[in-house]
Amino acid sequence: QVQLVESGGGLVQAGGSVRLSCTASGRTYNMGWFRQAPGKERELIASISWISSTTYYADSVKGRVTLSGDNAKNTVYLQMNSLKPEDTAVYYCAARSSIYGRYDVWGQGTQVTVSS
């Protein structure tokens, strides 16, 4: 069973930056970052396919977020810049353990709080 270990997050001022990282203990086919703010649904904000080497960004973060990865290390990095208070959420790393499957492996989540 693949496991994910996240690091990064914390308290940052508006306009600041934060970098999250996530390492998988085994092979994955796609890794992504979700976030969930209080009272809101969990949303996918960025993902990368190891098969096609393509990335996806949600409109809510496009232009402020960069997802990079090292397939050999099973690690992805989420660089978030120009943070806004509305970016405050618990951020979850997720992965697909099969090519056509859903996100079936989840990290424990890390809190990002953006103060105004």
N, C-alpha and C. Protein backbone atom coordinates (compact mmCIF):
# COMPACT_ATOMS: atom_id res chain seq x y z
N GLN A 1 0.83 -1.18 0.00
CA GLN A 1 0.00 0.00 0.00
C GLN A 1 0.88 1.26 0.00
N VAL A 2 0.69 2.10 -1.00
CA VAL A 2 1.46 3.33 -1.09
C VAL A 2 1.02 4.28 0.01
N GLN A 3 1.98 4.96 0.60
CA GLN A 3 1.69 5.99 1.59
C GLN A 3 2.30 7.31 1.14
N LEU A 4 1.68 8.40 1.57
CA LEU A 4 2.15 9.73 1.22
C LEU A 4 2.56 10.48 2.47
N VAL A 5 3.68 11.17 2.39
CA VAL A 5 4.15 11.99 3.50
C VAL A 5 4.29 13.42 3.01
N GLU A 6 3.59 14.31 3.68
CA GLU A 6 3.58 15.73 3.30
C GLU A 6 4.46 16.53 4.24
N SER A 7 4.94 17.64 3.76
CA SER A 7 5.65 18.59 4.61
C SER A 7 5.44 19.99 4.06
N GLY A 8 5.67 20.97 4.91
CA GLY A 8 5.46 22.36 4.54
C GLY A 8 4.18 22.87 5.16
N GLY A 9 3.78 24.03 4.76
CA GLY A 9 2.59 24.66 5.30
C GLY A 9 2.93 25.55 6.48
N GLY A 10 1.90 26.03 7.15
CA GLY A 10 2.09 26.90 8.30
C GLY A 10 1.37 28.22 8.12
N LEU A 11 1.83 29.20 8.89
CA LEU A 11 1.23 30.53 8.87
C LEU A 11 2.07 31.46 8.00
N VAL A 12 1.41 32.16 7.09
CA VAL A 12 2.11 33.07 6.19
C VAL A 12 1.26 34.31 6.00
N GLN A 13 1.90 35.43 5.78
CA GLN A 13 1.18 36.67 5.55
C GLN A 13 0.69 36.75 4.11
N ALA A 14 -0.38 37.50 3.93
CA ALA A 14 -0.90 37.70 2.58
C ALA A 14 0.20 38.28 1.69
N GLY A 15 0.27 37.75 0.48
CA GLY A 15 1.32 38.16 -0.45
C GLY A 15 2.56 37.31 -0.36
N GLY A 16 2.62 36.48 0.65
CA GLY A 16 3.79 35.64 0.86
C GLY A 16 3.72 34.35 0.07
N SER A 17 4.67 33.48 0.35
CA SER A 17 4.79 32.22 -0.38
C SER A 17 4.94 31.06 0.59
N VAL A 18 4.59 29.90 0.09
CA VAL A 18 4.78 28.68 0.86
C VAL A 18 5.04 27.55 -0.13
N ARG A 19 5.82 26.57 0.33
CA ARG A 19 6.13 25.42 -0.50
C ARG A 19 5.75 24.15 0.24
N LEU A 20 4.94 23.34 -0.42
CA LEU A 20 4.55 22.06 0.12
C LEU A 20 5.24 20.95 -0.66
N SER A 21 5.56 19.88 0.02
CA SER A 21 6.13 18.73 -0.67
C SER A 21 5.41 17.46 -0.25
N CYS A 22 5.46 16.49 -1.12
CA CYS A 22 4.77 15.23 -0.86
C CYS A 22 5.58 14.11 -1.50
N THR A 23 5.88 13.09 -0.71
CA THR A 23 6.65 11.96 -1.20
C THR A 23 5.85 10.68 -1.03
N ALA A 24 5.79 9.91 -2.10
CA ALA A 24 5.10 8.63 -2.08
C ALA A 24 6.09 7.50 -1.80
N SER A 25 5.61 6.50 -1.08
CA SER A 25 6.48 5.38 -0.71
C SER A 25 6.59 4.35 -1.82
N GLY A 26 5.79 4.49 -2.86
CA GLY A 26 5.82 3.55 -3.97
C GLY A 26 5.41 4.23 -5.26
N ARG A 27 5.22 3.42 -6.27
CA ARG A 27 4.91 3.98 -7.59
C ARG A 27 3.51 4.55 -7.64
N THR A 28 3.40 5.69 -8.29
CA THR A 28 2.10 6.29 -8.55
C THR A 28 2.04 6.71 -10.01
N TYR A 29 0.85 6.99 -10.50
CA TYR A 29 0.68 7.39 -11.89
C TYR A 29 0.27 8.84 -12.04
N ASN A 30 -0.20 9.40 -10.98
CA ASN A 30 -0.63 10.80 -10.98
C ASN A 30 -0.61 11.27 -9.54
N MET A 31 -0.12 12.47 -9.30
CA MET A 31 -0.14 13.03 -7.95
C MET A 31 -0.72 14.42 -8.02
N GLY A 32 -1.47 14.76 -7.00
CA GLY A 32 -2.11 16.06 -7.00
C GLY A 32 -2.24 16.62 -5.60
N TRP A 33 -2.61 17.88 -5.57
CA TRP A 33 -2.89 18.58 -4.32
C TRP A 33 -4.33 19.06 -4.32
N PHE A 34 -5.03 18.72 -3.26
CA PHE A 34 -6.38 19.19 -3.00
C PHE A 34 -6.31 20.15 -1.81
N ARG A 35 -7.34 20.95 -1.66
CA ARG A 35 -7.46 21.75 -0.47
C ARG A 35 -8.93 21.81 -0.03
N GLN A 36 -9.11 21.99 1.26
CA GLN A 36 -10.45 22.09 1.81
C GLN A 36 -10.48 23.18 2.86
N ALA A 37 -11.25 24.20 2.57
CA ALA A 37 -11.44 25.29 3.52
C ALA A 37 -12.65 24.99 4.38
N PRO A 38 -12.73 25.58 5.56
CA PRO A 38 -13.89 25.33 6.43
C PRO A 38 -15.21 25.63 5.73
N GLY A 39 -16.11 24.66 5.77
CA GLY A 39 -17.42 24.85 5.18
C GLY A 39 -17.47 24.70 3.67
N LYS A 40 -16.35 24.34 3.06
CA LYS A 40 -16.30 24.19 1.61
C LYS A 40 -15.92 22.77 1.23
N GLU A 41 -16.22 22.43 -0.02
CA GLU A 41 -15.86 21.12 -0.52
C GLU A 41 -14.37 21.05 -0.85
N ARG A 42 -13.87 19.85 -0.80
CA ARG A 42 -12.47 19.64 -1.17
C ARG A 42 -12.33 19.85 -2.68
N GLU A 43 -11.32 20.60 -3.08
CA GLU A 43 -11.14 20.87 -4.50
C GLU A 43 -9.72 20.51 -4.93
N LEU A 44 -9.62 20.00 -6.14
CA LEU A 44 -8.32 19.72 -6.74
C LEU A 44 -7.76 21.03 -7.27
N ILE A 45 -6.54 21.38 -6.84
CA ILE A 45 -5.97 22.63 -7.32
C ILE A 45 -4.81 22.43 -8.29
N ALA A 46 -4.16 21.30 -8.23
CA ALA A 46 -3.05 21.05 -9.14
C ALA A 46 -2.73 19.55 -9.17
N SER A 47 -2.31 19.10 -10.34
CA SER A 47 -1.94 17.69 -10.45
C SER A 47 -0.93 17.51 -11.56
N ILE A 48 -0.23 16.38 -11.49
CA ILE A 48 0.75 16.06 -12.52
C ILE A 48 0.62 14.59 -12.87
N SER A 49 0.68 14.32 -14.16
CA SER A 49 0.63 12.94 -14.64
C SER A 49 2.05 12.49 -14.94
N TRP A 50 2.43 11.36 -14.34
CA TRP A 50 3.75 10.84 -14.63
C TRP A 50 3.78 10.16 -16.01
N ILE A 51 2.62 9.82 -16.53
CA ILE A 51 2.53 9.15 -17.81
C ILE A 51 2.73 10.15 -18.95
N SER A 52 2.01 11.25 -18.90
CA SER A 52 2.08 12.24 -19.98
C SER A 52 2.94 13.44 -19.63
N SER A 53 3.37 13.53 -18.36
CA SER A 53 4.16 14.68 -17.89
C SER A 53 3.42 15.99 -18.03
N THR A 54 2.11 15.94 -17.95
CA THR A 54 1.30 17.15 -18.04
C THR A 54 0.82 17.56 -16.66
N THR A 55 0.60 18.86 -16.51
CA THR A 55 0.10 19.38 -15.25
C THR A 55 -1.26 20.04 -15.45
N TYR A 56 -1.99 20.10 -14.38
CA TYR A 56 -3.30 20.74 -14.36
C TYR A 56 -3.32 21.74 -13.21
N TYR A 57 -3.96 22.89 -13.46
CA TYR A 57 -4.14 23.88 -12.41
C TYR A 57 -5.59 24.36 -12.42
N ALA A 58 -6.16 24.47 -11.24
CA ALA A 58 -7.50 25.04 -11.13
C ALA A 58 -7.43 26.54 -11.40
N ASP A 59 -8.51 27.07 -11.91
CA ASP A 59 -8.55 28.50 -12.21
C ASP A 59 -8.29 29.35 -10.97
N SER A 60 -8.67 28.83 -9.82
CA SER A 60 -8.54 29.60 -8.58
C SER A 60 -7.09 29.85 -8.18
N VAL A 61 -6.16 29.06 -8.73
CA VAL A 61 -4.76 29.21 -8.35
C VAL A 61 -3.84 29.43 -9.55
N LYS A 62 -4.38 29.35 -10.74
CA LYS A 62 -3.56 29.46 -11.94
C LYS A 62 -2.81 30.78 -11.96
N GLY A 63 -1.53 30.70 -12.27
CA GLY A 63 -0.69 31.90 -12.29
C GLY A 63 0.00 32.17 -10.97
N ARG A 64 -0.47 31.55 -9.89
CA ARG A 64 0.13 31.77 -8.56
C ARG A 64 0.77 30.50 -8.02
N VAL A 65 0.49 29.38 -8.67
CA VAL A 65 0.93 28.09 -8.15
C VAL A 65 1.72 27.35 -9.22
N THR A 66 2.78 26.70 -8.80
CA THR A 66 3.58 25.87 -9.69
C THR A 66 3.76 24.50 -9.06
N LEU A 67 3.40 23.49 -9.81
CA LEU A 67 3.58 22.11 -9.36
C LEU A 67 4.74 21.49 -10.13
N SER A 68 5.70 21.00 -9.42
CA SER A 68 6.83 20.33 -10.06
C SER A 68 7.01 18.97 -9.40
N GLY A 69 7.71 18.12 -10.10
CA GLY A 69 7.85 16.79 -9.54
C GLY A 69 9.11 16.08 -9.98
N ASP A 70 9.46 15.08 -9.21
CA ASP A 70 10.59 14.22 -9.52
C ASP A 70 10.06 12.79 -9.49
N ASN A 71 9.82 12.24 -10.67
CA ASN A 71 9.22 10.92 -10.76
C ASN A 71 10.12 9.86 -10.12
N ALA A 72 11.41 10.02 -10.29
CA ALA A 72 12.34 9.04 -9.73
C ALA A 72 12.28 9.00 -8.21
N LYS A 73 11.96 10.14 -7.62
CA LYS A 73 11.87 10.23 -6.16
C LYS A 73 10.43 10.15 -5.66
N ASN A 74 9.50 9.98 -6.61
CA ASN A 74 8.07 9.93 -6.24
C ASN A 74 7.67 11.14 -5.38
N THR A 75 8.16 12.29 -5.75
CA THR A 75 7.94 13.50 -4.95
C THR A 75 7.40 14.62 -5.82
N VAL A 76 6.46 15.36 -5.27
CA VAL A 76 5.96 16.56 -5.93
C VAL A 76 6.11 17.74 -4.99
N TYR A 77 6.27 18.92 -5.60
CA TYR A 77 6.43 20.15 -4.85
C TYR A 77 5.38 21.14 -5.35
N LEU A 78 4.70 21.76 -4.41
CA LEU A 78 3.70 22.77 -4.75
C LEU A 78 4.18 24.12 -4.22
N GLN A 79 4.57 24.98 -5.14
CA GLN A 79 5.02 26.32 -4.78
C GLN A 79 3.85 27.28 -4.96
N MET A 80 3.46 27.92 -3.89
CA MET A 80 2.33 28.85 -3.94
C MET A 80 2.83 30.25 -3.60
N ASN A 81 2.56 31.19 -4.50
CA ASN A 81 2.99 32.56 -4.33
C ASN A 81 1.79 33.50 -4.28
N SER A 82 2.05 34.73 -3.90
CA SER A 82 0.99 35.75 -3.84
C SER A 82 -0.23 35.23 -3.09
N LEU A 83 0.02 34.64 -1.95
CA LEU A 83 -1.07 34.00 -1.19
C LEU A 83 -2.08 35.02 -0.70
N LYS A 84 -3.33 34.56 -0.67
CA LYS A 84 -4.46 35.39 -0.23
C LYS A 84 -5.10 34.73 0.97
N PRO A 85 -5.81 35.49 1.79
CA PRO A 85 -6.50 34.88 2.93
C PRO A 85 -7.44 33.75 2.51
N GLU A 86 -8.01 33.86 1.33
CA GLU A 86 -8.92 32.80 0.86
C GLU A 86 -8.20 31.51 0.46
N ASP A 87 -6.88 31.53 0.49
CA ASP A 87 -6.11 30.31 0.27
C ASP A 87 -5.98 29.49 1.55
N THR A 88 -6.44 30.06 2.64
CA THR A 88 -6.38 29.33 3.92
C THR A 88 -7.21 28.05 3.83
N ALA A 89 -6.57 26.93 4.12
CA ALA A 89 -7.23 25.64 4.00
C ALA A 89 -6.30 24.55 4.50
N VAL A 90 -6.85 23.36 4.61
CA VAL A 90 -6.01 22.18 4.80
C VAL A 90 -5.69 21.64 3.41
N TYR A 91 -4.44 21.46 3.16
CA TYR A 91 -3.98 20.99 1.85
C TYR A 91 -3.62 19.50 1.95
N TYR A 92 -4.17 18.74 1.01
CA TYR A 92 -3.97 17.30 1.01
C TYR A 92 -3.25 16.87 -0.27
N CYS A 93 -2.24 16.06 -0.11
CA CYS A 93 -1.61 15.40 -1.24
C CYS A 93 -2.38 14.12 -1.53
N ALA A 94 -2.54 13.83 -2.81
CA ALA A 94 -3.24 12.60 -3.20
C ALA A 94 -2.55 11.98 -4.40
N ALA A 95 -2.78 10.70 -4.58
CA ALA A 95 -2.14 9.99 -5.68
C ALA A 95 -3.06 8.91 -6.24
N ARG A 96 -2.81 8.59 -7.48
CA ARG A 96 -3.48 7.48 -8.12
C ARG A 96 -2.50 6.32 -8.20
N SER A 97 -2.91 5.18 -7.68
CA SER A 97 -2.03 4.02 -7.68
C SER A 97 -2.24 3.14 -8.91
N SER A 98 -3.18 3.54 -9.76
CA SER A 98 -3.39 2.84 -11.02
C SER A 98 -3.56 3.87 -12.12
N ILE A 99 -3.35 3.44 -13.36
CA ILE A 99 -3.34 4.39 -14.47
C ILE A 99 -4.68 5.09 -14.63
N TYR A 100 -5.76 4.33 -14.61
CA TYR A 100 -7.07 4.91 -14.90
C TYR A 100 -7.94 5.03 -13.66
N GLY A 101 -7.35 4.84 -12.50
CA GLY A 101 -8.13 4.90 -11.28
C GLY A 101 -8.33 6.31 -10.77
N ARG A 102 -9.07 6.38 -9.69
CA ARG A 102 -9.30 7.66 -9.04
C ARG A 102 -8.15 7.91 -8.06
N TYR A 103 -8.18 9.06 -7.41
CA TYR A 103 -7.21 9.34 -6.35
C TYR A 103 -7.57 8.45 -5.17
N ASP A 104 -6.73 7.46 -4.90
CA ASP A 104 -7.06 6.48 -3.88
C ASP A 104 -6.06 6.44 -2.74
N VAL A 105 -5.06 7.30 -2.79
CA VAL A 105 -4.08 7.39 -1.70
C VAL A 105 -4.04 8.84 -1.25
N TRP A 106 -4.10 9.05 0.06
CA TRP A 106 -4.18 10.41 0.58
C TRP A 106 -3.16 10.64 1.68
N GLY A 107 -2.64 11.86 1.71
CA GLY A 107 -1.78 12.25 2.81
C GLY A 107 -2.62 12.70 4.00
N GLN A 108 -1.96 13.04 5.07
CA GLN A 108 -2.65 13.39 6.31
C GLN A 108 -3.17 14.82 6.30
N GLY A 109 -2.69 15.62 5.36
CA GLY A 109 -3.13 17.01 5.29
C GLY A 109 -2.20 17.93 6.05
N THR A 110 -2.03 19.13 5.53
CA THR A 110 -1.21 20.12 6.21
C THR A 110 -1.92 21.48 6.13
N GLN A 111 -1.93 22.19 7.24
CA GLN A 111 -2.66 23.45 7.31
C GLN A 111 -1.82 24.60 6.74
N VAL A 112 -2.46 25.38 5.90
CA VAL A 112 -1.89 26.63 5.42
C VAL A 112 -2.83 27.74 5.83
N THR A 113 -2.33 28.67 6.60
CA THR A 113 -3.13 29.80 7.06
C THR A 113 -2.50 31.09 6.56
N VAL A 114 -3.29 31.88 5.85
CA VAL A 114 -2.80 33.14 5.30
C VAL A 114 -3.46 34.27 6.06
N SER A 115 -2.64 35.06 6.73
CA SER A 115 -3.17 36.17 7.52
C SER A 115 -3.19 37.45 6.68
N SER A 116 -4.20 38.26 6.92
CA SER A 116 -4.35 39.51 6.15
C SER A 116 -3.63 40.65 6.83
